């Protein structure tokens, strides 16, 4: 990731879209599938908060290895780490944990 020429290697629009997908759509999909599987109460809330946690750098390593959208993953990992704490705290407060 440090070899990227710019901090936002994929562009501002793609970075914003990927962050929205990561932190809004991810927890929504987990909520829907968890409810379909029968999770309720605190376990459901914990699953949603875990879905809002940042991704690690392993997906970037695989993207770089297989030459598939490494610039988008690089930006997603960097900004995901930066904004994950406030977003996770927000989900934690909204879900009442």
PDB file of N, CA and C in Angstrom:
ATOM      1  N   UNK A   1       0.825  -1.190   0.000  1.00  0.00           N
ATOM      2  CA  UNK A   1       0.000   0.000   0.000  1.00  0.00           C
ATOM      3  C   UNK A   1       0.863   1.246   0.000  1.00  0.00           C
ATOM      4  N   UNK A   2       2.035   1.168   0.599  1.00  0.00           N
ATOM      5  CA  UNK A   2       2.913   2.327   0.654  1.00  0.00           C
ATOM      6  C   UNK A   2       3.493   2.659  -0.715  1.00  0.00           C
ATOM      7  N   UNK A   3       3.431   1.739  -1.650  1.00  0.00           N
ATOM      8  CA  UNK A   3       3.963   1.987  -2.986  1.00  0.00           C
ATOM      9  C   UNK A   3       2.994   2.751  -3.881  1.00  0.00           C
ATOM     10  N   UNK A   4       1.775   2.989  -3.407  1.00  0.00           N
ATOM     11  CA  UNK A   4       0.805   3.726  -4.213  1.00  0.00           C
ATOM     12  C   UNK A   4       1.288   5.160  -4.401  1.00  0.00           C
ATOM     13  N   UNK A   5       1.151   5.726  -5.597  1.00  0.00           N
ATOM     14  CA  UNK A   5       1.657   7.080  -5.839  1.00  0.00           C
ATOM     15  C   UNK A   5       0.868   8.170  -5.111  1.00  0.00           C
ATOM     16  N   UNK A   6      -0.405   7.940  -4.834  1.00  0.00           N
ATOM     17  CA  UNK A   6      -1.238   8.931  -4.153  1.00  0.00           C
ATOM     18  C   UNK A   6      -1.938   8.264  -2.978  1.00  0.00           C
ATOM     19  N   UNK A   7      -2.379   9.093  -2.018  1.00  0.00           N
ATOM     20  CA  UNK A   7      -3.105   8.561  -0.867  1.00  0.00           C
ATOM     21  C   UNK A   7      -4.439   7.969  -1.307  1.00  0.00           C
ATOM     22  N   UNK A   8      -5.156   8.698  -2.152  1.00  0.00           N
ATOM     23  CA  UNK A   8      -6.402   8.185  -2.727  1.00  0.00           C
ATOM     24  C   UNK A   8      -6.055   7.731  -4.140  1.00  0.00           C
ATOM     25  N   UNK A   9      -5.658   6.485  -4.260  1.00  0.00           N
ATOM     26  CA  UNK A   9      -5.145   5.970  -5.529  1.00  0.00           C
ATOM     27  C   UNK A   9      -6.231   5.712  -6.560  1.00  0.00           C
ATOM     28  N   UNK A  10      -7.474   5.548  -6.112  1.00  0.00           N
ATOM     29  CA  UNK A  10      -8.522   5.171  -7.057  1.00  0.00           C
ATOM     30  C   UNK A  10      -9.451   6.328  -7.412  1.00  0.00           C
ATOM     31  N   UNK A  11      -9.272   7.487  -6.814  1.00  0.00           N
ATOM     32  CA  UNK A  11     -10.156   8.623  -7.071  1.00  0.00           C
ATOM     33  C   UNK A  11     -11.146   8.820  -5.940  1.00  0.00           C
ATOM     34  N   UNK A  12     -11.569  10.059  -5.766  1.00  0.00           N
ATOM     35  CA  UNK A  12     -12.454  10.402  -4.641  1.00  0.00           C
ATOM     36  C   UNK A  12     -13.830   9.764  -4.768  1.00  0.00           C
ATOM     37  N   UNK A  13     -14.356   9.711  -5.971  1.00  0.00           N
ATOM     38  CA  UNK A  13     -15.695   9.146  -6.172  1.00  0.00           C
ATOM     39  C   UNK A  13     -15.725   7.653  -5.854  1.00  0.00           C
ATOM     40  N   UNK A  14     -14.754   6.926  -6.345  1.00  0.00           N
ATOM     41  CA  UNK A  14     -14.687   5.484  -6.087  1.00  0.00           C
ATOM     42  C   UNK A  14     -14.416   5.221  -4.612  1.00  0.00           C
ATOM     43  N   UNK A  15     -13.563   6.046  -3.994  1.00  0.00           N
ATOM     44  CA  UNK A  15     -13.270   5.886  -2.571  1.00  0.00           C
ATOM     45  C   UNK A  15     -14.516   6.119  -1.725  1.00  0.00           C
ATOM     46  N   UNK A  16     -15.278   7.149  -2.044  1.00  0.00           N
ATOM     47  CA  UNK A  16     -16.516   7.418  -1.309  1.00  0.00           C
ATOM     48  C   UNK A  16     -17.516   6.288  -1.497  1.00  0.00           C
ATOM     49  N   UNK A  17     -17.644   5.804  -2.723  1.00  0.00           N
ATOM     50  CA  UNK A  17     -18.567   4.702  -2.987  1.00  0.00           C
ATOM     51  C   UNK A  17     -18.149   3.441  -2.235  1.00  0.00           C
ATOM     52  N   UNK A  18     -16.861   3.133  -2.237  1.00  0.00           N
ATOM     53  CA  UNK A  18     -16.406   1.919  -1.554  1.00  0.00           C
ATOM     54  C   UNK A  18     -16.585   2.022  -0.045  1.00  0.00           C
ATOM     55  N   UNK A  19     -16.413   3.213   0.521  1.00  0.00           N
ATOM     56  CA  UNK A  19     -16.632   3.389   1.964  1.00  0.00           C
ATOM     57  C   UNK A  19     -18.120   3.263   2.309  1.00  0.00           C
ATOM     58  N   UNK A  20     -18.983   3.805   1.448  1.00  0.00           N
ATOM     59  CA  UNK A  20     -20.422   3.676   1.679  1.00  0.00           C
ATOM     60  C   UNK A  20     -20.852   2.216   1.611  1.00  0.00           C
ATOM     61  N   UNK A  21     -20.338   1.503   0.624  1.00  0.00           N
ATOM     62  CA  UNK A  21     -20.670   0.082   0.513  1.00  0.00           C
ATOM     63  C   UNK A  21     -20.156  -0.671   1.727  1.00  0.00           C
ATOM     64  N   UNK A  22     -18.941  -0.379   2.139  1.00  0.00           N
ATOM     65  CA  UNK A  22     -18.311  -1.107   3.250  1.00  0.00           C
ATOM     66  C   UNK A  22     -19.031  -0.875   4.568  1.00  0.00           C
ATOM     67  N   UNK A  23     -19.365   0.384   4.869  1.00  0.00           N
ATOM     68  CA  UNK A  23     -19.889   0.697   6.189  1.00  0.00           C
ATOM     69  C   UNK A  23     -21.408   0.814   6.261  1.00  0.00           C
ATOM     70  N   UNK A  24     -22.103   0.828   5.143  1.00  0.00           N
ATOM     71  CA  UNK A  24     -23.568   0.868   5.164  1.00  0.00           C
ATOM     72  C   UNK A  24     -24.186  -0.428   4.647  1.00  0.00           C
ATOM     73  N   UNK A  25     -23.732  -0.859   3.482  1.00  0.00           N
ATOM     74  CA  UNK A  25     -24.307  -2.057   2.883  1.00  0.00           C
ATOM     75  C   UNK A  25     -23.856  -3.318   3.613  1.00  0.00           C
ATOM     76  N   UNK A  26     -22.611  -3.349   4.053  1.00  0.00           N
ATOM     77  CA  UNK A  26     -22.094  -4.522   4.772  1.00  0.00           C
ATOM     78  C   UNK A  26     -22.907  -4.869   6.010  1.00  0.00           C
ATOM     79  N   UNK A  27     -23.088  -3.918   6.936  1.00  0.00           N
ATOM     80  CA  UNK A  27     -23.921  -4.212   8.101  1.00  0.00           C
ATOM     81  C   UNK A  27     -25.386  -4.521   7.756  1.00  0.00           C
ATOM     82  N   UNK A  28     -25.901  -3.897   6.692  1.00  0.00           N
ATOM     83  CA  UNK A  28     -27.284  -4.180   6.290  1.00  0.00           C
ATOM     84  C   UNK A  28     -27.426  -5.622   5.796  1.00  0.00           C
ATOM     85  N   UNK A  29     -26.459  -6.088   5.023  1.00  0.00           N
ATOM     86  CA  UNK A  29     -26.494  -7.470   4.525  1.00  0.00           C
ATOM     87  C   UNK A  29     -26.344  -8.453   5.683  1.00  0.00           C
ATOM     88  N   UNK A  30     -25.438  -8.156   6.601  1.00  0.00           N
ATOM     89  CA  UNK A  30     -25.264  -9.021   7.780  1.00  0.00           C
ATOM     90  C   UNK A  30     -26.535  -9.051   8.616  1.00  0.00           C
ATOM     91  N   UNK A  31     -27.189  -7.897   8.769  1.00  0.00           N
ATOM     92  CA  UNK A  31     -28.437  -7.864   9.543  1.00  0.00           C
ATOM     93  C   UNK A  31     -29.505  -8.734   8.883  1.00  0.00           C
ATOM     94  N   UNK A  32     -29.643  -8.617   7.575  1.00  0.00           N
ATOM     95  CA  UNK A  32     -30.664  -9.394   6.864  1.00  0.00           C
ATOM     96  C   UNK A  32     -30.382 -10.892   6.937  1.00  0.00           C
ATOM     97  N   UNK A  33     -29.142 -11.280   6.707  1.00  0.00           N
ATOM     98  CA  UNK A  33     -28.825 -12.707   6.750  1.00  0.00           C
ATOM     99  C   UNK A  33     -28.867 -13.263   8.169  1.00  0.00           C
ATOM    100  N   UNK A  34     -28.494 -12.452   9.154  1.00  0.00           N
ATOM    101  CA  UNK A  34     -28.563 -12.909  10.544  1.00  0.00           C
ATOM    102  C   UNK A  34     -30.004 -13.108  10.987  1.00  0.00           C
ATOM    103  N   UNK A  35     -30.873 -12.198  10.593  1.00  0.00           N
ATOM    104  CA  UNK A  35     -32.294 -12.344  10.925  1.00  0.00           C
ATOM    105  C   UNK A  35     -32.871 -13.578  10.221  1.00  0.00           C
ATOM    106  N   UNK A  36     -32.457 -13.793   8.964  1.00  0.00           N
ATOM    107  CA  UNK A  36     -32.931 -14.973   8.230  1.00  0.00           C
ATOM    108  C   UNK A  36     -32.456 -16.265   8.882  1.00  0.00           C
ATOM    109  N   UNK A  37     -31.281 -16.229   9.515  1.00  0.00           N
ATOM    110  CA  UNK A  37     -30.747 -17.415  10.198  1.00  0.00           C
ATOM    111  C   UNK A  37     -31.293 -17.567  11.609  1.00  0.00           C
ATOM    112  N   UNK A  38     -32.008 -16.576  12.099  1.00  0.00           N
ATOM    113  CA  UNK A  38     -32.636 -16.690  13.405  1.00  0.00           C
ATOM    114  C   UNK A  38     -31.937 -15.957  14.539  1.00  0.00           C
ATOM    115  N   UNK A  39     -30.948 -15.156  14.256  1.00  0.00           N
ATOM    116  CA  UNK A  39     -30.295 -14.387  15.321  1.00  0.00           C
ATOM    117  C   UNK A  39     -31.205 -13.247  15.761  1.00  0.00           C
ATOM    118  N   UNK A  40     -31.279 -13.047  17.037  1.00  0.00           N
ATOM    119  CA  UNK A  40     -32.096 -11.967  17.599  1.00  0.00           C
ATOM    120  C   UNK A  40     -31.355 -11.357  18.781  1.00  0.00           C
ATOM    121  N   UNK A  41     -31.773 -10.183  19.195  1.00  0.00           N
ATOM    122  CA  UNK A  41     -31.271  -9.553  20.414  1.00  0.00           C
ATOM    123  C   UNK A  41     -29.812  -9.125  20.323  1.00  0.00           C
ATOM    124  N   UNK A  42     -29.084  -9.399  21.400  1.00  0.00           N
ATOM    125  CA  UNK A  42     -27.702  -8.944  21.518  1.00  0.00           C
ATOM    126  C   UNK A  42     -26.804  -9.585  20.457  1.00  0.00           C
ATOM    127  N   UNK A  43     -27.023 -10.855  20.142  1.00  0.00           N
ATOM    128  CA  UNK A  43     -26.202 -11.510  19.119  1.00  0.00           C
ATOM    129  C   UNK A  43     -26.349 -10.838  17.752  1.00  0.00           C
ATOM    130  N   UNK A  44     -27.557 -10.430  17.419  1.00  0.00           N
ATOM    131  CA  UNK A  44     -27.790  -9.713  16.168  1.00  0.00           C
ATOM    132  C   UNK A  44     -27.057  -8.380  16.182  1.00  0.00           C
ATOM    133  N   UNK A  45     -27.138  -7.651  17.291  1.00  0.00           N
ATOM    134  CA  UNK A  45     -26.470  -6.357  17.395  1.00  0.00           C
ATOM    135  C   UNK A  45     -24.952  -6.504  17.310  1.00  0.00           C
ATOM    136  N   UNK A  46     -24.408  -7.531  17.941  1.00  0.00           N
ATOM    137  CA  UNK A  46     -22.966  -7.773  17.884  1.00  0.00           C
ATOM    138  C   UNK A  46     -22.533  -8.104  16.455  1.00  0.00           C
ATOM    139  N   UNK A  47     -23.319  -8.878  15.747  1.00  0.00           N
ATOM    140  CA  UNK A  47     -22.986  -9.211  14.356  1.00  0.00           C
ATOM    141  C   UNK A  47     -22.961  -7.960  13.484  1.00  0.00           C
ATOM    142  N   UNK A  48     -23.893  -7.047  13.715  1.00  0.00           N
ATOM    143  CA  UNK A  48     -23.939  -5.800  12.937  1.00  0.00           C
ATOM    144  C   UNK A  48     -22.721  -4.927  13.244  1.00  0.00           C
ATOM    145  N   UNK A  49     -22.357  -4.817  14.512  1.00  0.00           N
ATOM    146  CA  UNK A  49     -21.183  -4.021  14.886  1.00  0.00           C
ATOM    147  C   UNK A  49     -19.915  -4.645  14.306  1.00  0.00           C
ATOM    148  N   UNK A  50     -19.812  -5.976  14.327  1.00  0.00           N
ATOM    149  CA  UNK A  50     -18.638  -6.628  13.755  1.00  0.00           C
ATOM    150  C   UNK A  50     -18.541  -6.402  12.252  1.00  0.00           C
ATOM    151  N   UNK A  51     -19.677  -6.298  11.589  1.00  0.00           N
ATOM    152  CA  UNK A  51     -19.662  -6.034  10.149  1.00  0.00           C
ATOM    153  C   UNK A  51     -19.160  -4.625   9.848  1.00  0.00           C
ATOM    154  N   UNK A  52     -19.257  -3.720  10.813  1.00  0.00           N
ATOM    155  CA  UNK A  52     -18.792  -2.353  10.612  1.00  0.00           C
ATOM    156  C   UNK A  52     -17.311  -2.181  10.935  1.00  0.00           C
ATOM    157  N   UNK A  53     -16.668  -3.218  11.461  1.00  0.00           N
ATOM    158  CA  UNK A  53     -15.243  -3.121  11.770  1.00  0.00           C
ATOM    159  C   UNK A  53     -14.438  -3.090  10.472  1.00  0.00           C
ATOM    160  N   UNK A  54     -13.245  -2.498  10.520  1.00  0.00           N
ATOM    161  CA  UNK A  54     -12.471  -2.362   9.273  1.00  0.00           C
ATOM    162  C   UNK A  54     -11.922  -3.693   8.783  1.00  0.00           C
ATOM    163  N   UNK A  55     -11.689  -3.758   7.491  1.00  0.00           N
ATOM    164  CA  UNK A  55     -11.076  -4.951   6.921  1.00  0.00           C
ATOM    165  C   UNK A  55      -9.579  -4.894   7.154  1.00  0.00           C
ATOM    166  N   UNK A  56      -8.954  -6.026   7.125  1.00  0.00           N
ATOM    167  CA  UNK A  56      -7.514  -6.081   7.305  1.00  0.00           C
ATOM    168  C   UNK A  56      -6.786  -5.821   5.994  1.00  0.00           C
ATOM    169  N   UNK A  57      -5.513  -6.029   5.998  1.00  0.00           N
ATOM    170  CA  UNK A  57      -4.736  -5.788   4.790  1.00  0.00           C
ATOM    171  C   UNK A  57      -4.605  -7.035   3.922  1.00  0.00           C
ATOM    172  N   UNK A  58      -5.098  -8.174   4.385  1.00  0.00           N
ATOM    173  CA  UNK A  58      -4.997  -9.411   3.602  1.00  0.00           C
ATOM    174  C   UNK A  58      -5.736  -9.318   2.269  1.00  0.00           C
ATOM    175  N   UNK A  59      -6.940  -8.734   2.208  1.00  0.00           N
ATOM    176  CA  UNK A  59      -7.573  -8.586   0.889  1.00  0.00           C
ATOM    177  C   UNK A  59      -6.726  -7.770  -0.087  1.00  0.00           C
ATOM    178  N   UNK A  60      -5.999  -6.769   0.428  1.00  0.00           N
ATOM    179  CA  UNK A  60      -5.109  -5.998  -0.447  1.00  0.00           C
ATOM    180  C   UNK A  60      -3.982  -6.873  -0.979  1.00  0.00           C
ATOM    181  N   UNK A  61      -3.437  -7.734  -0.143  1.00  0.00           N
ATOM    182  CA  UNK A  61      -2.354  -8.619  -0.574  1.00  0.00           C
ATOM    183  C   UNK A  61      -2.835  -9.532  -1.699  1.00  0.00           C
ATOM    184  N   UNK A  62      -4.028 -10.090  -1.552  1.00  0.00           N
ATOM    185  CA  UNK A  62      -4.577 -10.942  -2.604  1.00  0.00           C
ATOM    186  C   UNK A  62      -4.871 -10.145  -3.876  1.00  0.00           C
ATOM    187  N   UNK A  63      -5.404  -8.927  -3.721  1.00  0.00           N
ATOM    188  CA  UNK A  63      -5.687  -8.100  -4.894  1.00  0.00           C
ATOM    189  C   UNK A  63      -4.406  -7.742  -5.626  1.00  0.00           C
ATOM    190  N   UNK A  64      -3.360  -7.446  -4.892  1.00  0.00           N
ATOM    191  CA  UNK A  64      -2.070  -7.128  -5.513  1.00  0.00           C
ATOM    192  C   UNK A  64      -1.474  -8.372  -6.190  1.00  0.00           C
ATOM    193  N   UNK A  65      -1.591  -9.500  -5.517  1.00  0.00           N
ATOM    194  CA  UNK A  65      -1.041 -10.749  -6.058  1.00  0.00           C
ATOM    195  C   UNK A  65      -1.716 -11.140  -7.374  1.00  0.00           C
ATOM    196  N   UNK A  66      -3.048 -11.007  -7.425  1.00  0.00           N
ATOM    197  CA  UNK A  66      -3.785 -11.422  -8.611  1.00  0.00           C
ATOM    198  C   UNK A  66      -4.092 -10.260  -9.549  1.00  0.00           C
ATOM    199  N   UNK A  67      -3.548  -9.070  -9.226  1.00  0.00           N
ATOM    200  CA  UNK A  67      -3.655  -7.901 -10.092  1.00  0.00           C
ATOM    201  C   UNK A  67      -5.105  -7.494 -10.355  1.00  0.00           C
ATOM    202  N   UNK A  68      -5.912  -7.414  -9.288  1.00  0.00           N
ATOM    203  CA  UNK A  68      -7.322  -7.090  -9.403  1.00  0.00           C
ATOM    204  C   UNK A  68      -7.666  -5.941  -8.445  1.00  0.00           C
ATOM    205  N   UNK A  69      -7.823  -4.751  -8.948  1.00  0.00           N
ATOM    206  CA  UNK A  69      -8.273  -3.570  -8.209  1.00  0.00           C
ATOM    207  C   UNK A  69      -7.465  -3.302  -6.931  1.00  0.00           C
ATOM    208  N   UNK A  70      -6.173  -3.410  -6.993  1.00  0.00           N
ATOM    209  CA  UNK A  70      -5.336  -3.166  -5.820  1.00  0.00           C
ATOM    210  C   UNK A  70      -5.408  -1.711  -5.379  1.00  0.00           C
ATOM    211  N   UNK A  71      -5.617  -0.782  -6.314  1.00  0.00           N
ATOM    212  CA  UNK A  71      -5.701   0.628  -5.933  1.00  0.00           C
ATOM    213  C   UNK A  71      -6.942   0.913  -5.101  1.00  0.00           C
ATOM    214  N   UNK A  72      -8.052   0.295  -5.449  1.00  0.00           N
ATOM    215  CA  UNK A  72      -9.287   0.489  -4.676  1.00  0.00           C
ATOM    216  C   UNK A  72      -9.141  -0.124  -3.291  1.00  0.00           C
ATOM    217  N   UNK A  73      -8.577  -1.321  -3.213  1.00  0.00           N
ATOM    218  CA  UNK A  73      -8.384  -1.975  -1.910  1.00  0.00           C
ATOM    219  C   UNK A  73      -7.413  -1.203  -1.040  1.00  0.00           C
ATOM    220  N   UNK A  74      -6.380  -0.635  -1.646  1.00  0.00           N
ATOM    221  CA  UNK A  74      -5.417   0.157  -0.883  1.00  0.00           C
ATOM    222  C   UNK A  74      -6.100   1.349  -0.226  1.00  0.00           C
ATOM    223  N   UNK A  75      -6.886   2.069  -0.992  1.00  0.00           N
ATOM    224  CA  UNK A  75      -7.613   3.220  -0.457  1.00  0.00           C
ATOM    225  C   UNK A  75      -8.632   2.779   0.584  1.00  0.00           C
ATOM    226  N   UNK A  76      -9.326   1.681   0.321  1.00  0.00           N
ATOM    227  CA  UNK A  76     -10.331   1.195   1.259  1.00  0.00           C
ATOM    228  C   UNK A  76      -9.714   0.792   2.596  1.00  0.00           C
ATOM    229  N   UNK A  77      -8.557   0.153   2.559  1.00  0.00           N
ATOM    230  CA  UNK A  77      -7.907  -0.259   3.804  1.00  0.00           C
ATOM    231  C   UNK A  77      -7.440   0.956   4.592  1.00  0.00           C
ATOM    232  N   UNK A  78      -6.805   1.911   3.921  1.00  0.00           N
ATOM    233  CA  UNK A  78      -6.284   3.094   4.611  1.00  0.00           C
ATOM    234  C   UNK A  78      -7.412   3.914   5.227  1.00  0.00           C
ATOM    235  N   UNK A  79      -8.409   4.282   4.432  1.00  0.00           N
ATOM    236  CA  UNK A  79      -9.497   5.090   4.961  1.00  0.00           C
ATOM    237  C   UNK A  79     -10.434   4.297   5.853  1.00  0.00           C
ATOM    238  N   UNK A  80     -10.542   3.003   5.594  1.00  0.00           N
ATOM    239  CA  UNK A  80     -11.359   2.161   6.468  1.00  0.00           C
ATOM    240  C   UNK A  80     -10.822   2.150   7.883  1.00  0.00           C
ATOM    241  N   UNK A  81      -9.512   2.088   8.022  1.00  0.00           N
ATOM    242  CA  UNK A  81      -8.905   2.129   9.357  1.00  0.00           C
ATOM    243  C   UNK A  81      -9.121   3.481  10.029  1.00  0.00           C
ATOM    244  N   UNK A  82      -9.065   4.548   9.243  1.00  0.00           N
ATOM    245  CA  UNK A  82      -9.204   5.892   9.816  1.00  0.00           C
ATOM    246  C   UNK A  82     -10.622   6.191  10.295  1.00  0.00           C
ATOM    247  N   UNK A  83     -11.615   5.769   9.534  1.00  0.00           N
ATOM    248  CA  UNK A  83     -12.986   6.120   9.908  1.00  0.00           C
ATOM    249  C   UNK A  83     -13.736   4.992  10.604  1.00  0.00           C
ATOM    250  N   UNK A  84     -13.095   3.873  10.822  1.00  0.00           N
ATOM    251  CA  UNK A  84     -13.775   2.733  11.435  1.00  0.00           C
ATOM    252  C   UNK A  84     -14.159   2.999  12.888  1.00  0.00           C
ATOM    253  N   UNK A  85     -13.297   3.647  13.645  1.00  0.00           N
ATOM    254  CA  UNK A  85     -13.602   3.876  15.062  1.00  0.00           C
ATOM    255  C   UNK A  85     -14.847   4.732  15.252  1.00  0.00           C
ATOM    256  N   UNK A  86     -14.962   5.899  14.616  1.00  0.00           N
ATOM    257  CA  UNK A  86     -16.199   6.669  14.806  1.00  0.00           C
ATOM    258  C   UNK A  86     -17.449   5.945  14.315  1.00  0.00           C
ATOM    259  N   UNK A  87     -17.327   5.227  13.205  1.00  0.00           N
ATOM    260  CA  UNK A  87     -18.500   4.523  12.672  1.00  0.00           C
ATOM    261  C   UNK A  87     -18.884   3.363  13.576  1.00  0.00           C
ATOM    262  N   UNK A  88     -17.912   2.637  14.093  1.00  0.00           N
ATOM    263  CA  UNK A  88     -18.208   1.527  15.006  1.00  0.00           C
ATOM    264  C   UNK A  88     -18.849   2.044  16.286  1.00  0.00           C
ATOM    265  N   UNK A  89     -18.359   3.145  16.812  1.00  0.00           N
ATOM    266  CA  UNK A  89     -18.962   3.741  18.008  1.00  0.00           C
ATOM    267  C   UNK A  89     -20.387   4.189  17.709  1.00  0.00           C
ATOM    268  N   UNK A  90     -20.621   4.749  16.528  1.00  0.00           N
ATOM    269  CA  UNK A  90     -21.973   5.165  16.146  1.00  0.00           C
ATOM    270  C   UNK A  90     -22.922   3.973  16.091  1.00  0.00           C
ATOM    271  N   UNK A  91     -22.501   2.870  15.456  1.00  0.00           N
ATOM    272  CA  UNK A  91     -23.328   1.664  15.428  1.00  0.00           C
ATOM    273  C   UNK A  91     -23.565   1.136  16.849  1.00  0.00           C
ATOM    274  N   UNK A  92     -22.538   1.180  17.670  1.00  0.00           N
ATOM    275  CA  UNK A  92     -22.638   0.711  19.057  1.00  0.00           C
ATOM    276  C   UNK A  92     -23.692   1.506  19.821  1.00  0.00           C
ATOM    277  N   UNK A  93     -23.688   2.820  19.630  1.00  0.00           N
ATOM    278  CA  UNK A  93     -24.682   3.682  20.308  1.00  0.00           C
ATOM    279  C   UNK A  93     -26.074   3.467  19.738  1.00  0.00           C
ATOM    280  N   UNK A  94     -26.183   3.403  18.414  1.00  0.00           N
ATOM    281  CA  UNK A  94     -27.502   3.221  17.780  1.00  0.00           C
ATOM    282  C   UNK A  94     -28.151   1.895  18.140  1.00  0.00           C
ATOM    283  N   UNK A  95     -27.332   0.858  18.316  1.00  0.00           N
ATOM    284  CA  UNK A  95     -27.878  -0.463  18.639  1.00  0.00           C
ATOM    285  C   UNK A  95     -28.048  -0.669  20.149  1.00  0.00           C
ATOM    286  N   UNK A  96     -27.580   0.280  20.939  1.00  0.00           N
ATOM    287  CA  UNK A  96     -27.798   0.214  22.376  1.00  0.00           C
ATOM    288  C   UNK A  96     -26.988  -0.849  23.093  1.00  0.00           C
ATOM    289  N   UNK A  97     -25.776  -1.111  22.631  1.00  0.00           N
ATOM    290  CA  UNK A  97     -24.950  -2.124  23.273  1.00  0.00           C
ATOM    291  C   UNK A  97     -24.197  -1.556  24.448  1.00  0.00           C
TER     292      UNK A  97
END
